[in-house]
């Protein structure tokens, strides 16, 4: 049986692409782009590495035509809201002691227009 000289490189390329795409999907770091200001966004971060995190990090960048709210927890949690509006480029860092799922809440509050990129992760 004769081997096609292009088969082996093609299979290697498929394997590399699969590996790279699997590495990008992580439960301990996420990124969203908000352009729809009609609904709240509630999400969670699940630690992948036991005991190797120390910080819950949120980066907000973009523009909102009025006030938005970010909460480093669920709506019912005792955590406080952070308020932002207009041109935004802010970082939030909170201590994280590991082991538990962390939550994230985006509330459009008074804004109805804009584009915001939000990155949140466990470091």
PDB file of N, CA and C in Angstrom:
ATOM      1  N   UNK A   1       0.843  -1.179   0.000  1.00  0.00           N
ATOM      2  CA  UNK A   1       0.000   0.000   0.000  1.00  0.00           C
ATOM      3  C   UNK A   1       0.886   1.240   0.000  1.00  0.00           C
ATOM      4  N   UNK A   2       0.552   2.181  -0.823  1.00  0.00           N
ATOM      5  CA  UNK A   2       1.334   3.390  -0.959  1.00  0.00           C
ATOM      6  C   UNK A   2       0.751   4.496  -0.070  1.00  0.00           C
ATOM      7  N   UNK A   3       1.646   5.193   0.667  1.00  0.00           N
ATOM      8  CA  UNK A   3       1.189   6.299   1.521  1.00  0.00           C
ATOM      9  C   UNK A   3       1.190   7.594   0.734  1.00  0.00           C
ATOM     10  N   UNK A   4       0.178   8.359   0.930  1.00  0.00           N
ATOM     11  CA  UNK A   4       0.117   9.679   0.325  1.00  0.00           C
ATOM     12  C   UNK A   4       1.036  10.600   1.126  1.00  0.00           C
ATOM     13  N   UNK A   5       1.914  11.319   0.481  1.00  0.00           N
ATOM     14  CA  UNK A   5       2.890  12.160   1.183  1.00  0.00           C
ATOM     15  C   UNK A   5       2.246  13.330   1.931  1.00  0.00           C
ATOM     16  N   UNK A   6       1.018  13.650   1.642  1.00  0.00           N
ATOM     17  CA  UNK A   6       0.331  14.759   2.301  1.00  0.00           C
ATOM     18  C   UNK A   6      -0.515  14.308   3.498  1.00  0.00           C
ATOM     19  N   UNK A   7      -0.707  13.006   3.651  1.00  0.00           N
ATOM     20  CA  UNK A   7      -1.575  12.497   4.710  1.00  0.00           C
ATOM     21  C   UNK A   7      -0.995  12.735   6.095  1.00  0.00           C
ATOM     22  N   UNK A   8       0.273  12.424   6.302  1.00  0.00           N
ATOM     23  CA  UNK A   8       0.893  12.557   7.627  1.00  0.00           C
ATOM     24  C   UNK A   8       0.902  14.013   8.096  1.00  0.00           C
ATOM     25  N   UNK A   9       1.356  14.990   7.288  1.00  0.00           N
ATOM     26  CA  UNK A   9       1.294  16.389   7.757  1.00  0.00           C
ATOM     27  C   UNK A   9      -0.135  16.859   8.036  1.00  0.00           C
ATOM     28  N   UNK A  10      -1.090  16.381   7.241  1.00  0.00           N
ATOM     29  CA  UNK A  10      -2.488  16.767   7.447  1.00  0.00           C
ATOM     30  C   UNK A  10      -2.993  16.245   8.799  1.00  0.00           C
ATOM     31  N   UNK A  11      -2.686  15.010   9.116  1.00  0.00           N
ATOM     32  CA  UNK A  11      -3.101  14.429  10.400  1.00  0.00           C
ATOM     33  C   UNK A  11      -2.435  15.168  11.560  1.00  0.00           C
ATOM     34  N   UNK A  12      -1.162  15.514  11.424  1.00  0.00           N
ATOM     35  CA  UNK A  12      -0.465  16.286  12.469  1.00  0.00           C
ATOM     36  C   UNK A  12      -1.134  17.647  12.667  1.00  0.00           C
ATOM     37  N   UNK A  13      -1.516  18.294  11.586  1.00  0.00           N
ATOM     38  CA  UNK A  13      -2.160  19.613  11.667  1.00  0.00           C
ATOM     39  C   UNK A  13      -3.504  19.513  12.375  1.00  0.00           C
ATOM     40  N   UNK A  14      -4.280  18.482  12.076  1.00  0.00           N
ATOM     41  CA  UNK A  14      -5.571  18.275  12.745  1.00  0.00           C
ATOM     42  C   UNK A  14      -5.356  18.090  14.243  1.00  0.00           C
ATOM     43  N   UNK A  15      -4.378  17.285  14.615  1.00  0.00           N
ATOM     44  CA  UNK A  15      -4.087  17.040  16.032  1.00  0.00           C
ATOM     45  C   UNK A  15      -3.679  18.332  16.738  1.00  0.00           C
ATOM     46  N   UNK A  16      -2.833  19.131  16.121  1.00  0.00           N
ATOM     47  CA  UNK A  16      -2.386  20.396  16.722  1.00  0.00           C
ATOM     48  C   UNK A  16      -3.560  21.353  16.895  1.00  0.00           C
ATOM     49  N   UNK A  17      -4.413  21.470  15.887  1.00  0.00           N
ATOM     50  CA  UNK A  17      -5.577  22.356  15.995  1.00  0.00           C
ATOM     51  C   UNK A  17      -6.527  21.899  17.094  1.00  0.00           C
ATOM     52  N   UNK A  18      -6.745  20.597  17.195  1.00  0.00           N
ATOM     53  CA  UNK A  18      -7.599  20.066  18.260  1.00  0.00           C
ATOM     54  C   UNK A  18      -7.014  20.379  19.629  1.00  0.00           C
ATOM     55  N   UNK A  19      -5.704  20.177  19.790  1.00  0.00           N
ATOM     56  CA  UNK A  19      -5.039  20.441  21.064  1.00  0.00           C
ATOM     57  C   UNK A  19      -5.139  21.919  21.439  1.00  0.00           C
ATOM     58  N   UNK A  20      -4.890  22.818  20.498  1.00  0.00           N
ATOM     59  CA  UNK A  20      -4.961  24.253  20.777  1.00  0.00           C
ATOM     60  C   UNK A  20      -6.369  24.693  21.128  1.00  0.00           C
ATOM     61  N   UNK A  21      -7.366  24.156  20.453  1.00  0.00           N
ATOM     62  CA  UNK A  21      -8.740  24.548  20.765  1.00  0.00           C
ATOM     63  C   UNK A  21      -9.158  24.020  22.130  1.00  0.00           C
ATOM     64  N   UNK A  22      -8.687  22.854  22.522  1.00  0.00           N
ATOM     65  CA  UNK A  22      -9.018  22.302  23.835  1.00  0.00           C
ATOM     66  C   UNK A  22      -8.371  23.120  24.941  1.00  0.00           C
ATOM     67  N   UNK A  23      -7.179  23.656  24.695  1.00  0.00           N
ATOM     68  CA  UNK A  23      -6.492  24.465  25.707  1.00  0.00           C
ATOM     69  C   UNK A  23      -7.204  25.788  25.942  1.00  0.00           C
ATOM     70  N   UNK A  24      -7.892  26.319  24.937  1.00  0.00           N
ATOM     71  CA  UNK A  24      -8.552  27.606  25.082  1.00  0.00           C
ATOM     72  C   UNK A  24      -9.842  27.548  25.881  1.00  0.00           C
ATOM     73  N   UNK A  25     -10.423  26.380  26.053  1.00  0.00           N
ATOM     74  CA  UNK A  25     -11.669  26.239  26.791  1.00  0.00           C
ATOM     75  C   UNK A  25     -11.351  25.949  28.242  1.00  0.00           C
ATOM     76  N   UNK A  26     -11.561  26.942  29.097  1.00  0.00           N
ATOM     77  CA  UNK A  26     -11.194  26.786  30.491  1.00  0.00           C
ATOM     78  C   UNK A  26     -12.328  27.286  31.370  1.00  0.00           C
ATOM     79  N   UNK A  27     -12.544  26.610  32.477  1.00  0.00           N
ATOM     80  CA  UNK A  27     -13.584  27.031  33.410  1.00  0.00           C
ATOM     81  C   UNK A  27     -13.090  28.056  34.409  1.00  0.00           C
ATOM     82  N   UNK A  28     -11.772  28.310  34.460  1.00  0.00           N
ATOM     83  CA  UNK A  28     -11.243  29.251  35.439  1.00  0.00           C
ATOM     84  C   UNK A  28     -10.890  30.607  34.834  1.00  0.00           C
ATOM     85  N   UNK A  29     -11.213  30.810  33.575  1.00  0.00           N
ATOM     86  CA  UNK A  29     -11.003  32.106  32.915  1.00  0.00           C
ATOM     87  C   UNK A  29     -11.969  32.249  31.755  1.00  0.00           C
ATOM     88  N   UNK A  30     -12.603  33.408  31.658  1.00  0.00           N
ATOM     89  CA  UNK A  30     -13.595  33.624  30.601  1.00  0.00           C
ATOM     90  C   UNK A  30     -13.521  35.066  30.107  1.00  0.00           C
ATOM     91  N   UNK A  31     -14.056  35.255  28.906  1.00  0.00           N
ATOM     92  CA  UNK A  31     -14.104  36.586  28.314  1.00  0.00           C
ATOM     93  C   UNK A  31     -15.436  36.726  27.591  1.00  0.00           C
ATOM     94  N   UNK A  32     -16.085  37.860  27.805  1.00  0.00           N
ATOM     95  CA  UNK A  32     -17.343  38.139  27.113  1.00  0.00           C
ATOM     96  C   UNK A  32     -17.281  39.535  26.507  1.00  0.00           C
ATOM     97  N   UNK A  33     -18.043  39.727  25.460  1.00  0.00           N
ATOM     98  CA  UNK A  33     -18.210  41.060  24.873  1.00  0.00           C
ATOM     99  C   UNK A  33     -19.689  41.380  24.938  1.00  0.00           C
ATOM    100  N   UNK A  34     -20.014  42.463  25.625  1.00  0.00           N
ATOM    101  CA  UNK A  34     -21.406  42.855  25.834  1.00  0.00           C
ATOM    102  C   UNK A  34     -21.776  43.950  24.839  1.00  0.00           C
ATOM    103  N   UNK A  35     -22.781  43.674  24.011  1.00  0.00           N
ATOM    104  CA  UNK A  35     -23.341  44.687  23.110  1.00  0.00           C
ATOM    105  C   UNK A  35     -24.852  44.793  23.299  1.00  0.00           C
ATOM    106  N   UNK A  36     -25.434  43.805  23.972  1.00  0.00           N
ATOM    107  CA  UNK A  36     -26.863  43.798  24.266  1.00  0.00           C
ATOM    108  C   UNK A  36     -27.057  44.197  25.732  1.00  0.00           C
ATOM    109  N   UNK A  37     -27.646  45.345  25.954  1.00  0.00           N
ATOM    110  CA  UNK A  37     -27.797  45.881  27.301  1.00  0.00           C
ATOM    111  C   UNK A  37     -29.213  45.677  27.842  1.00  0.00           C
ATOM    112  N   UNK A  38     -29.886  44.613  27.403  1.00  0.00           N
ATOM    113  CA  UNK A  38     -31.244  44.341  27.858  1.00  0.00           C
ATOM    114  C   UNK A  38     -31.307  43.390  29.047  1.00  0.00           C
ATOM    115  N   UNK A  39     -30.301  42.527  29.209  1.00  0.00           N
ATOM    116  CA  UNK A  39     -30.365  41.504  30.251  1.00  0.00           C
ATOM    117  C   UNK A  39     -29.088  41.460  31.082  1.00  0.00           C
ATOM    118  N   UNK A  40     -29.238  40.978  32.290  1.00  0.00           N
ATOM    119  CA  UNK A  40     -28.092  40.727  33.154  1.00  0.00           C
ATOM    120  C   UNK A  40     -27.384  39.468  32.673  1.00  0.00           C
ATOM    121  N   UNK A  41     -26.092  39.385  32.977  1.00  0.00           N
ATOM    122  CA  UNK A  41     -25.307  38.192  32.673  1.00  0.00           C
ATOM    123  C   UNK A  41     -24.765  37.650  33.987  1.00  0.00           C
ATOM    124  N   UNK A  42     -25.071  36.400  34.267  1.00  0.00           N
ATOM    125  CA  UNK A  42     -24.566  35.744  35.475  1.00  0.00           C
ATOM    126  C   UNK A  42     -23.770  34.528  35.009  1.00  0.00           C
ATOM    127  N   UNK A  43     -22.535  34.408  35.512  1.00  0.00           N
ATOM    128  CA  UNK A  43     -21.669  33.317  35.095  1.00  0.00           C
ATOM    129  C   UNK A  43     -20.836  32.859  36.291  1.00  0.00           C
ATOM    130  N   UNK A  44     -20.104  31.771  36.104  1.00  0.00           N
ATOM    131  CA  UNK A  44     -19.289  31.249  37.205  1.00  0.00           C
ATOM    132  C   UNK A  44     -17.915  30.843  36.707  1.00  0.00           C
ATOM    133  N   UNK A  45     -16.966  30.832  37.632  1.00  0.00           N
ATOM    134  CA  UNK A  45     -15.613  30.349  37.390  1.00  0.00           C
ATOM    135  C   UNK A  45     -15.372  29.174  38.320  1.00  0.00           C
ATOM    136  N   UNK A  46     -14.940  28.067  37.763  1.00  0.00           N
ATOM    137  CA  UNK A  46     -14.694  26.860  38.552  1.00  0.00           C
ATOM    138  C   UNK A  46     -13.192  26.619  38.574  1.00  0.00           C
ATOM    139  N   UNK A  47     -12.597  26.505  39.743  1.00  0.00           N
ATOM    140  CA  UNK A  47     -11.141  26.297  39.804  1.00  0.00           C
ATOM    141  C   UNK A  47     -10.741  24.957  39.187  1.00  0.00           C
ATOM    142  N   UNK A  48      -9.704  24.997  38.354  1.00  0.00           N
ATOM    143  CA  UNK A  48      -9.178  23.779  37.723  1.00  0.00           C
ATOM    144  C   UNK A  48      -8.025  23.189  38.520  1.00  0.00           C
ATOM    145  N   UNK A  49      -7.230  24.060  39.129  1.00  0.00           N
ATOM    146  CA  UNK A  49      -6.034  23.632  39.844  1.00  0.00           C
ATOM    147  C   UNK A  49      -6.258  23.831  41.343  1.00  0.00           C
ATOM    148  N   UNK A  50      -6.297  22.794  42.078  1.00  0.00           N
ATOM    149  CA  UNK A  50      -6.590  22.865  43.503  1.00  0.00           C
ATOM    150  C   UNK A  50      -5.464  23.586  44.256  1.00  0.00           C
ATOM    151  N   UNK A  51      -5.833  24.661  44.968  1.00  0.00           N
ATOM    152  CA  UNK A  51      -4.901  25.353  45.842  1.00  0.00           C
ATOM    153  C   UNK A  51      -3.844  26.199  45.170  1.00  0.00           C
ATOM    154  N   UNK A  52      -3.945  26.459  43.866  1.00  0.00           N
ATOM    155  CA  UNK A  52      -2.877  27.226  43.225  1.00  0.00           C
ATOM    156  C   UNK A  52      -3.327  28.611  42.756  1.00  0.00           C
ATOM    157  N   UNK A  53      -4.434  29.117  43.275  1.00  0.00           N
ATOM    158  CA  UNK A  53      -4.915  30.458  42.932  1.00  0.00           C
ATOM    159  C   UNK A  53      -4.797  31.367  44.152  1.00  0.00           C
ATOM    160  N   UNK A  54      -4.718  32.665  43.888  1.00  0.00           N
ATOM    161  CA  UNK A  54      -4.714  33.621  44.995  1.00  0.00           C
ATOM    162  C   UNK A  54      -5.560  34.855  44.706  1.00  0.00           C
ATOM    163  N   UNK A  55      -5.990  35.029  43.455  1.00  0.00           N
ATOM    164  CA  UNK A  55      -6.679  36.254  43.066  1.00  0.00           C
ATOM    165  C   UNK A  55      -7.873  35.967  42.156  1.00  0.00           C
ATOM    166  N   UNK A  56      -8.972  36.669  42.417  1.00  0.00           N
ATOM    167  CA  UNK A  56     -10.122  36.696  41.504  1.00  0.00           C
ATOM    168  C   UNK A  56      -9.991  38.024  40.771  1.00  0.00           C
ATOM    169  N   UNK A  57      -9.771  37.979  39.462  1.00  0.00           N
ATOM    170  CA  UNK A  57      -9.429  39.147  38.660  1.00  0.00           C
ATOM    171  C   UNK A  57     -10.533  39.431  37.641  1.00  0.00           C
ATOM    172  N   UNK A  58     -10.910  40.713  37.531  1.00  0.00           N
ATOM    173  CA  UNK A  58     -11.896  41.150  36.530  1.00  0.00           C
ATOM    174  C   UNK A  58     -11.334  42.384  35.824  1.00  0.00           C
ATOM    175  N   UNK A  59     -11.371  42.375  34.490  1.00  0.00           N
ATOM    176  CA  UNK A  59     -10.963  43.537  33.703  1.00  0.00           C
ATOM    177  C   UNK A  59     -12.134  43.962  32.831  1.00  0.00           C
ATOM    178  N   UNK A  60     -12.496  45.241  32.916  1.00  0.00           N
ATOM    179  CA  UNK A  60     -13.614  45.798  32.159  1.00  0.00           C
ATOM    180  C   UNK A  60     -13.057  46.877  31.245  1.00  0.00           C
ATOM    181  N   UNK A  61     -13.377  46.777  29.957  1.00  0.00           N
ATOM    182  CA  UNK A  61     -12.862  47.744  29.002  1.00  0.00           C
ATOM    183  C   UNK A  61     -13.919  48.020  27.943  1.00  0.00           C
ATOM    184  N   UNK A  62     -14.110  49.285  27.610  1.00  0.00           N
ATOM    185  CA  UNK A  62     -15.064  49.642  26.563  1.00  0.00           C
ATOM    186  C   UNK A  62     -15.807  50.920  26.876  1.00  0.00           C
ATOM    187  N   UNK A  63     -17.054  50.961  26.422  1.00  0.00           N
ATOM    188  CA  UNK A  63     -17.875  52.164  26.577  1.00  0.00           C
ATOM    189  C   UNK A  63     -19.318  51.776  26.872  1.00  0.00           C
ATOM    190  N   UNK A  64     -19.930  52.508  27.807  1.00  0.00           N
ATOM    191  CA  UNK A  64     -21.365  52.381  28.090  1.00  0.00           C
ATOM    192  C   UNK A  64     -21.940  53.784  28.195  1.00  0.00           C
ATOM    193  N   UNK A  65     -23.103  54.011  27.610  1.00  0.00           N
ATOM    194  CA  UNK A  65     -23.675  55.359  27.573  1.00  0.00           C
ATOM    195  C   UNK A  65     -24.242  55.814  28.919  1.00  0.00           C
ATOM    196  N   UNK A  66     -24.336  54.919  29.893  1.00  0.00           N
ATOM    197  CA  UNK A  66     -24.783  55.273  31.246  1.00  0.00           C
ATOM    198  C   UNK A  66     -24.216  54.231  32.212  1.00  0.00           C
ATOM    199  N   UNK A  67     -24.648  54.250  33.436  1.00  0.00           N
ATOM    200  CA  UNK A  67     -24.078  53.386  34.470  1.00  0.00           C
ATOM    201  C   UNK A  67     -24.347  51.900  34.247  1.00  0.00           C
ATOM    202  N   UNK A  68     -23.286  51.095  34.434  1.00  0.00           N
ATOM    203  CA  UNK A  68     -23.409  49.641  34.491  1.00  0.00           C
ATOM    204  C   UNK A  68     -22.935  49.212  35.878  1.00  0.00           C
ATOM    205  N   UNK A  69     -23.310  47.979  36.259  1.00  0.00           N
ATOM    206  CA  UNK A  69     -22.867  47.451  37.549  1.00  0.00           C
ATOM    207  C   UNK A  69     -22.201  46.094  37.343  1.00  0.00           C
ATOM    208  N   UNK A  70     -21.114  45.882  38.067  1.00  0.00           N
ATOM    209  CA  UNK A  70     -20.410  44.612  38.075  1.00  0.00           C
ATOM    210  C   UNK A  70     -20.390  44.127  39.518  1.00  0.00           C
ATOM    211  N   UNK A  71     -20.706  42.856  39.707  1.00  0.00           N
ATOM    212  CA  UNK A  71     -20.682  42.279  41.051  1.00  0.00           C
ATOM    213  C   UNK A  71     -19.845  40.995  41.009  1.00  0.00           C
ATOM    214  N   UNK A  72     -18.859  40.868  41.887  1.00  0.00           N
ATOM    215  CA  UNK A  72     -18.039  39.651  41.904  1.00  0.00           C
ATOM    216  C   UNK A  72     -18.729  38.513  42.655  1.00  0.00           C
ATOM    217  N   UNK A  73     -19.990  38.290  42.378  1.00  0.00           N
ATOM    218  CA  UNK A  73     -20.765  37.253  43.043  1.00  0.00           C
ATOM    219  C   UNK A  73     -22.146  37.162  42.427  1.00  0.00           C
ATOM    220  N   UNK A  74     -22.990  36.328  42.994  1.00  0.00           N
ATOM    221  CA  UNK A  74     -24.376  36.209  42.541  1.00  0.00           C
ATOM    222  C   UNK A  74     -25.177  37.400  43.053  1.00  0.00           C
ATOM    223  N   UNK A  75     -26.345  37.597  42.493  1.00  0.00           N
ATOM    224  CA  UNK A  75     -27.176  38.744  42.866  1.00  0.00           C
ATOM    225  C   UNK A  75     -27.530  38.736  44.351  1.00  0.00           C
ATOM    226  N   UNK A  76     -27.781  37.572  44.909  1.00  0.00           N
ATOM    227  CA  UNK A  76     -28.174  37.469  46.316  1.00  0.00           C
ATOM    228  C   UNK A  76     -26.987  37.518  47.283  1.00  0.00           C
ATOM    229  N   UNK A  77     -25.757  37.418  46.765  1.00  0.00           N
ATOM    230  CA  UNK A  77     -24.576  37.444  47.636  1.00  0.00           C
ATOM    231  C   UNK A  77     -24.410  38.804  48.298  1.00  0.00           C
ATOM    232  N   UNK A  78     -23.677  38.822  49.387  1.00  0.00           N
ATOM    233  CA  UNK A  78     -23.482  40.060  50.146  1.00  0.00           C
ATOM    234  C   UNK A  78     -22.459  40.999  49.510  1.00  0.00           C
ATOM    235  N   UNK A  79     -21.804  40.551  48.441  1.00  0.00           N
ATOM    236  CA  UNK A  79     -20.827  41.407  47.786  1.00  0.00           C
ATOM    237  C   UNK A  79     -21.480  42.674  47.266  1.00  0.00           C
ATOM    238  N   UNK A  80     -20.715  43.714  47.166  1.00  0.00           N
ATOM    239  CA  UNK A  80     -21.185  45.015  46.713  1.00  0.00           C
ATOM    240  C   UNK A  80     -20.994  45.143  45.201  1.00  0.00           C
ATOM    241  N   UNK A  81     -21.702  46.099  44.612  1.00  0.00           N
ATOM    242  CA  UNK A  81     -21.587  46.389  43.189  1.00  0.00           C
ATOM    243  C   UNK A  81     -20.475  47.397  42.941  1.00  0.00           C
ATOM    244  N   UNK A  82     -19.839  47.284  41.788  1.00  0.00           N
ATOM    245  CA  UNK A  82     -18.924  48.304  41.282  1.00  0.00           C
ATOM    246  C   UNK A  82     -19.649  48.991  40.127  1.00  0.00           C
ATOM    247  N   UNK A  83     -19.660  50.314  40.117  1.00  0.00           N
ATOM    248  CA  UNK A  83     -20.374  51.087  39.106  1.00  0.00           C
ATOM    249  C   UNK A  83     -19.381  51.725  38.137  1.00  0.00           C
ATOM    250  N   UNK A  84     -19.714  51.680  36.838  1.00  0.00           N
ATOM    251  CA  UNK A  84     -18.878  52.278  35.802  1.00  0.00           C
ATOM    252  C   UNK A  84     -19.778  52.912  34.753  1.00  0.00           C
ATOM    253  N   UNK A  85     -19.243  53.923  34.038  1.00  0.00           N
ATOM    254  CA  UNK A  85     -19.957  54.499  32.902  1.00  0.00           C
ATOM    255  C   UNK A  85     -18.989  55.236  32.002  1.00  0.00           C
ATOM    256  N   UNK A  86     -19.456  55.604  30.821  1.00  0.00           N
ATOM    257  CA  UNK A  86     -18.668  56.282  29.797  1.00  0.00           C
ATOM    258  C   UNK A  86     -17.521  55.383  29.328  1.00  0.00           C
ATOM    259  N   UNK A  87     -16.354  55.941  29.164  1.00  0.00           N
ATOM    260  CA  UNK A  87     -15.190  55.173  28.729  1.00  0.00           C
ATOM    261  C   UNK A  87     -14.619  54.421  29.932  1.00  0.00           C
ATOM    262  N   UNK A  88     -14.466  53.102  29.800  1.00  0.00           N
ATOM    263  CA  UNK A  88     -14.096  52.262  30.939  1.00  0.00           C
ATOM    264  C   UNK A  88     -12.833  51.474  30.605  1.00  0.00           C
ATOM    265  N   UNK A  89     -11.889  51.481  31.522  1.00  0.00           N
ATOM    266  CA  UNK A  89     -10.713  50.618  31.455  1.00  0.00           C
ATOM    267  C   UNK A  89     -10.266  50.387  32.896  1.00  0.00           C
ATOM    268  N   UNK A  90     -10.885  49.421  33.543  1.00  0.00           N
ATOM    269  CA  UNK A  90     -10.666  49.192  34.980  1.00  0.00           C
ATOM    270  C   UNK A  90     -10.337  47.735  35.275  1.00  0.00           C
ATOM    271  N   UNK A  91      -9.574  47.529  36.335  1.00  0.00           N
ATOM    272  CA  UNK A  91      -9.261  46.195  36.832  1.00  0.00           C
ATOM    273  C   UNK A  91      -9.753  46.070  38.265  1.00  0.00           C
ATOM    274  N   UNK A  92     -10.296  44.920  38.587  1.00  0.00           N
ATOM    275  CA  UNK A  92     -10.693  44.601  39.957  1.00  0.00           C
ATOM    276  C   UNK A  92      -9.923  43.356  40.367  1.00  0.00           C
ATOM    277  N   UNK A  93      -9.328  43.390  41.538  1.00  0.00           N
ATOM    278  CA  UNK A  93      -8.592  42.239  42.068  1.00  0.00           C
ATOM    279  C   UNK A  93      -9.079  41.975  43.482  1.00  0.00           C
ATOM    280  N   UNK A  94      -9.476  40.732  43.721  1.00  0.00           N
ATOM    281  CA  UNK A  94      -9.946  40.345  45.050  1.00  0.00           C
ATOM    282  C   UNK A  94      -9.207  39.091  45.490  1.00  0.00           C
ATOM    283  N   UNK A  95      -8.973  38.966  46.776  1.00  0.00           N
ATOM    284  CA  UNK A  95      -8.343  37.757  47.302  1.00  0.00           C
ATOM    285  C   UNK A  95      -9.208  36.549  47.012  1.00  0.00           C
ATOM    286  N   UNK A  96      -8.562  35.464  46.677  1.00  0.00           N
ATOM    287  CA  UNK A  96      -9.264  34.204  46.436  1.00  0.00           C
ATOM    288  C   UNK A  96      -8.483  33.113  47.154  1.00  0.00           C
ATOM    289  N   UNK A  97      -9.156  32.386  48.003  1.00  0.00           N
ATOM    290  CA  UNK A  97      -8.491  31.380  48.825  1.00  0.00           C
ATOM    291  C   UNK A  97      -8.679  29.966  48.296  1.00  0.00           C
ATOM    292  N   UNK A  98      -9.300  29.824  47.156  1.00  0.00           N
ATOM    293  CA  UNK A  98      -9.386  28.545  46.469  1.00  0.00           C
ATOM    294  C   UNK A  98     -10.518  27.650  46.919  1.00  0.00           C
ATOM    295  N   UNK A  99     -10.751  26.642  46.083  1.00  0.00           N
ATOM    296  CA  UNK A  99     -11.688  25.591  46.423  1.00  0.00           C
ATOM    297  C   UNK A  99     -13.145  25.837  46.081  1.00  0.00           C
ATOM    298  N   UNK A 100     -13.571  27.056  45.973  1.00  0.00           N
ATOM    299  CA  UNK A 100     -14.991  27.304  45.731  1.00  0.00           C
ATOM    300  C   UNK A 100     -15.211  27.989  44.387  1.00  0.00           C
ATOM    301  N   UNK A 101     -16.389  27.789  43.850  1.00  0.00           N
ATOM    302  CA  UNK A 101     -16.791  28.433  42.612  1.00  0.00           C
ATOM    303  C   UNK A 101     -17.007  29.916  42.876  1.00  0.00           C
ATOM    304  N   UNK A 102     -16.477  30.747  41.986  1.00  0.00           N
ATOM    305  CA  UNK A 102     -16.687  32.192  42.084  1.00  0.00           C
ATOM    306  C   UNK A 102     -17.702  32.596  41.023  1.00  0.00           C
ATOM    307  N   UNK A 103     -18.519  33.564  41.346  1.00  0.00           N
ATOM    308  CA  UNK A 103     -19.569  34.010  40.434  1.00  0.00           C
ATOM    309  C   UNK A 103     -19.297  35.421  39.956  1.00  0.00           C
ATOM    310  N   UNK A 104     -19.900  35.748  38.803  1.00  0.00           N
ATOM    311  CA  UNK A 104     -19.738  37.043  38.170  1.00  0.00           C
ATOM    312  C   UNK A 104     -21.110  37.516  37.701  1.00  0.00           C
ATOM    313  N   UNK A 105     -21.418  38.789  37.949  1.00  0.00           N
ATOM    314  CA  UNK A 105     -22.693  39.362  37.515  1.00  0.00           C
ATOM    315  C   UNK A 105     -22.443  40.680  36.791  1.00  0.00           C
ATOM    316  N   UNK A 106     -22.954  40.771  35.569  1.00  0.00           N
ATOM    317  CA  UNK A 106     -22.976  42.024  34.823  1.00  0.00           C
ATOM    318  C   UNK A 106     -24.417  42.502  34.787  1.00  0.00           C
ATOM    319  N   UNK A 107     -24.643  43.736  35.228  1.00  0.00           N
ATOM    320  CA  UNK A 107     -25.981  44.327  35.216  1.00  0.00           C
ATOM    321  C   UNK A 107     -25.918  45.603  34.379  1.00  0.00           C
ATOM    322  N   UNK A 108     -26.679  45.692  33.276  1.00  0.00           N
ATOM    323  CA  UNK A 108     -26.649  46.900  32.454  1.00  0.00           C
ATOM    324  C   UNK A 108     -27.176  48.140  33.181  1.00  0.00           C
ATOM    325  N   UNK A 109     -27.878  47.944  34.285  1.00  0.00           N
ATOM    326  CA  UNK A 109     -28.382  48.999  35.165  1.00  0.00           C
ATOM    327  C   UNK A 109     -29.064  50.096  34.360  1.00  0.00           C
ATOM    328  N   UNK A 110     -28.443  51.249  34.160  1.00  0.00           N
ATOM    329  CA  UNK A 110     -29.076  52.358  33.426  1.00  0.00           C
ATOM    330  C   UNK A 110     -28.617  52.464  31.972  1.00  0.00           C
ATOM    331  N   UNK A 111     -27.590  51.710  31.596  1.00  0.00           N
ATOM    332  CA  UNK A 111     -27.057  51.783  30.228  1.00  0.00           C
ATOM    333  C   UNK A 111     -27.947  51.006  29.265  1.00  0.00           C
ATOM    334  N   UNK A 112     -28.051  51.522  28.043  1.00  0.00           N
ATOM    335  CA  UNK A 112     -28.794  50.800  27.015  1.00  0.00           C
ATOM    336  C   UNK A 112     -28.023  50.724  25.703  1.00  0.00           C
ATOM    337  N   UNK A 113     -26.772  51.191  25.724  1.00  0.00           N
ATOM    338  CA  UNK A 113     -25.976  51.189  24.510  1.00  0.00           C
ATOM    339  C   UNK A 113     -24.500  51.167  24.880  1.00  0.00           C
ATOM    340  N   UNK A 114     -23.701  50.539  24.036  1.00  0.00           N
ATOM    341  CA  UNK A 114     -22.266  50.512  24.237  1.00  0.00           C
ATOM    342  C   UNK A 114     -21.666  49.191  23.794  1.00  0.00           C
ATOM    343  N   UNK A 115     -20.392  49.037  24.074  1.00  0.00           N
ATOM    344  CA  UNK A 115     -19.680  47.791  23.796  1.00  0.00           C
ATOM    345  C   UNK A 115     -18.623  47.637  24.880  1.00  0.00           C
ATOM    346  N   UNK A 116     -18.709  46.543  25.614  1.00  0.00           N
ATOM    347  CA  UNK A 116     -17.814  46.315  26.743  1.00  0.00           C
ATOM    348  C   UNK A 116     -17.214  44.920  26.651  1.00  0.00           C
ATOM    349  N   UNK A 117     -15.913  44.849  26.796  1.00  0.00           N
ATOM    350  CA  UNK A 117     -15.205  43.567  26.847  1.00  0.00           C
ATOM    351  C   UNK A 117     -14.855  43.313  28.314  1.00  0.00           C
ATOM    352  N   UNK A 118     -15.261  42.144  28.812  1.00  0.00           N
ATOM    353  CA  UNK A 118     -15.016  41.812  30.216  1.00  0.00           C
ATOM    354  C   UNK A 118     -14.270  40.476  30.277  1.00  0.00           C
ATOM    355  N   UNK A 119     -13.136  40.499  30.949  1.00  0.00           N
ATOM    356  CA  UNK A 119     -12.346  39.301  31.184  1.00  0.00           C
ATOM    357  C   UNK A 119     -12.380  39.034  32.674  1.00  0.00           C
ATOM    358  N   UNK A 120     -12.692  37.802  33.068  1.00  0.00           N
ATOM    359  CA  UNK A 120     -12.689  37.453  34.482  1.00  0.00           C
ATOM    360  C   UNK A 120     -12.035  36.093  34.632  1.00  0.00           C
ATOM    361  N   UNK A 121     -11.172  35.969  35.647  1.00  0.00           N
ATOM    362  CA  UNK A 121     -10.410  34.735  35.796  1.00  0.00           C
ATOM    363  C   UNK A 121      -9.865  34.573  37.204  1.00  0.00           C
ATOM    364  N   UNK A 122      -9.470  33.352  37.477  1.00  0.00           N
ATOM    365  CA  UNK A 122      -8.811  33.022  38.739  1.00  0.00           C
ATOM    366  C   UNK A 122      -7.314  32.948  38.444  1.00  0.00           C
ATOM    367  N   UNK A 123      -6.536  33.651  39.248  1.00  0.00           N
ATOM    368  CA  UNK A 123      -5.081  33.677  39.048  1.00  0.00           C
ATOM    369  C   UNK A 123      -4.376  33.051  40.225  1.00  0.00           C
TER     370      UNK A 123
END
